Protein backbone atom coordinates (compact mmCIF):
# COMPACT_ATOMS: atom_id res chain seq x y z
CA UNK A 1 4.94 -26.04 2.71
CA UNK A 2 2.89 -22.86 2.46
CA UNK A 3 0.37 -22.08 -0.29
CA UNK A 4 2.32 -20.28 -3.03
CA UNK A 5 1.18 -16.84 -4.18
CA UNK A 6 3.16 -17.12 -7.38
CA UNK A 7 4.80 -20.08 -9.14
CA UNK A 8 7.86 -19.78 -11.32
CA UNK A 9 8.64 -22.86 -13.41
CA UNK A 10 12.09 -23.89 -14.57
CA UNK A 11 11.56 -26.07 -17.62
CA UNK A 12 14.08 -28.32 -19.32
CA UNK A 13 15.10 -27.59 -22.94
CA UNK A 14 12.54 -28.34 -25.63
CA UNK A 15 14.74 -30.91 -27.36
CA UNK A 16 16.96 -33.76 -26.17
CA UNK A 17 20.62 -32.74 -26.19
CA UNK A 18 21.62 -36.31 -27.19
CA UNK A 19 19.28 -37.20 -30.08
CA UNK A 20 17.60 -33.83 -30.79
CA UNK A 21 14.07 -35.28 -30.48
CA UNK A 22 11.28 -33.08 -29.10
CA UNK A 23 10.83 -33.79 -25.40
CA UNK A 24 7.35 -34.65 -24.02
CA UNK A 25 5.56 -32.35 -21.57
CA UNK A 26 7.64 -31.95 -18.41
CA UNK A 27 6.30 -32.74 -14.94
CA UNK A 28 7.14 -31.24 -11.55
CA UNK A 29 9.89 -33.24 -9.81
CA UNK A 30 11.03 -30.79 -7.14
CA UNK A 31 9.70 -27.68 -5.44
CA UNK A 32 11.40 -25.05 -3.29
CA UNK A 33 9.86 -21.97 -1.71
CA UNK A 34 11.13 -18.46 -1.04
CA UNK A 35 9.38 -16.25 1.49
CA UNK A 36 9.68 -12.65 0.29
CA UNK A 37 8.07 -9.30 0.95
CA UNK A 38 6.31 -7.68 -2.02
CA UNK A 39 8.10 -4.75 -3.61
CA UNK A 40 6.95 -1.70 -1.66
CA UNK A 41 5.31 1.00 -3.72
CA UNK A 42 2.87 3.73 -2.96
CA UNK A 43 -0.61 3.50 -4.46
CA UNK A 44 -2.34 6.47 -6.05
CA UNK A 45 -6.13 6.31 -5.69
CA UNK A 46 -8.10 8.70 -7.85
CA UNK A 47 -11.57 9.68 -6.71
CA UNK A 48 -13.88 10.75 -9.53
CA UNK A 49 -17.18 12.51 -9.01
CA UNK A 50 -19.81 11.42 -11.51
CA UNK A 51 -22.80 13.41 -12.69
CA UNK A 52 -25.95 12.37 -14.53
CA UNK A 53 -28.62 14.66 -15.93
CA UNK A 54 -32.24 13.54 -15.81
CA UNK A 55 -34.47 13.89 -18.88
CA UNK A 56 -36.22 16.72 -16.99
CA UNK A 57 -32.94 18.65 -16.93
CA UNK A 58 -32.06 18.16 -13.23
CA UNK A 59 -28.36 17.32 -12.73
CA UNK A 60 -27.40 14.82 -10.00
CA UNK A 61 -23.82 14.53 -8.80
CA UNK A 62 -22.09 11.97 -6.61
CA UNK A 63 -20.41 13.17 -3.44
CA UNK A 64 -16.81 12.62 -2.43
CA UNK A 65 -16.02 11.22 1.01
CA UNK A 66 -15.79 14.02 3.59
CA UNK A 67 -12.13 13.25 4.21
CA UNK A 68 -11.36 14.12 0.55
CA UNK A 69 -10.92 17.83 1.19
CA UNK A 70 -8.09 18.57 -1.27
CA UNK A 71 -7.31 17.69 -4.87
CA UNK A 72 -4.18 15.78 -3.73
CA UNK A 73 -3.61 14.45 -0.23
CA UNK A 74 -2.09 11.63 1.82
CA UNK A 75 -4.23 8.63 2.77
CA UNK A 76 -5.00 7.19 6.20
CA UNK A 77 -2.72 4.10 5.90
CA UNK A 78 0.26 6.27 4.97
CA UNK A 79 -0.46 8.65 7.84
CA UNK A 80 -0.84 5.74 10.29
CA UNK A 81 2.49 4.29 9.16
CA UNK A 82 4.22 7.65 9.57
CA UNK A 83 2.80 8.04 13.10
CA UNK A 84 3.58 4.41 14.04
CA UNK A 85 7.28 4.49 13.14
CA UNK A 86 8.46 7.23 15.52
CA UNK A 87 6.06 6.35 18.34
CA UNK A 88 6.30 2.57 18.39
CA UNK A 89 9.75 2.01 16.89
CA UNK A 90 11.40 5.19 18.22
CA UNK A 91 12.49 6.25 14.73
CA UNK A 92 13.55 9.92 14.55
CA UNK A 93 11.27 12.23 12.57
CA UNK A 94 13.79 12.89 9.79
CA UNK A 95 14.56 9.18 9.39
CA UNK A 96 10.85 8.43 9.25
CA UNK A 97 10.41 10.79 6.29
CA UNK A 98 13.52 9.39 4.60
CA UNK A 99 12.37 5.80 5.15
CA UNK A 100 9.03 6.55 3.48
CA UNK A 101 11.06 7.73 0.48
CA UNK A 102 13.35 4.70 0.49
CA UNK A 103 10.55 2.16 0.84
CA UNK A 104 7.62 3.71 -0.99
CA UNK A 105 9.05 6.45 -3.20
CA UNK A 106 7.31 9.12 -1.10
CA UNK A 107 9.93 11.05 0.87
CA UNK A 108 8.30 13.26 3.51
CA UNK A 109 9.61 16.42 5.13
CA UNK A 110 10.02 16.69 8.90
CA UNK A 111 7.12 19.15 8.89
CA UNK A 112 4.82 16.65 7.19
CA UNK A 113 5.74 13.89 9.66
CA UNK A 114 5.15 16.27 12.58
CA UNK A 115 1.82 17.40 11.08
CA UNK A 116 0.65 13.77 10.84
CA UNK A 117 1.63 13.22 14.47
CA UNK A 118 -0.27 16.35 15.55
CA UNK A 119 -3.35 15.25 13.57
CA UNK A 120 -3.21 11.81 15.21
CA UNK A 121 -2.97 13.45 18.62
CA UNK A 122 -6.04 15.57 17.91
CA UNK A 123 -8.01 12.56 16.67
CA UNK A 124 -7.00 10.41 19.64
CA UNK A 125 -7.62 13.02 22.33
CA UNK A 126 -11.43 12.54 22.60
CA UNK A 127 -11.39 8.72 22.87
CA UNK A 128 -8.47 8.82 25.32
CA UNK A 129 -10.28 11.40 27.44
CA UNK A 130 -13.42 9.23 27.47
CA UNK A 131 -11.50 6.07 28.41
CA UNK A 132 -9.66 7.93 31.20
CA UNK A 133 -13.03 8.81 32.77
CA UNK A 134 -14.19 5.18 32.78
């Protein structure tokens, strides 16, 4: 049996149904396992920039990662999933966007899916060009 990520117990009643006495602590007599996928849900990650002011009056501010260029944007795992589905699994663009809505609550337009594919193509062009020369 695999190591369980979560255990659900199914306890007997607290009292005997014959004499009504309180039952002692129950022990495990049988186990069964269910292999399940976790409920899919998108994750919202908030990036906060902090600032501290020195006693001399100079303010110092943290810097956001360079890829954080907008106040709201899609993350790299989501983009990779959206590019993977049509290219590896031959899923049509419109079904890819709909599937992201069905699974993660983030439906995407055809234009967004196509934009992610174009971005991936731009990012992959330099390494593919280098490897072709080798």
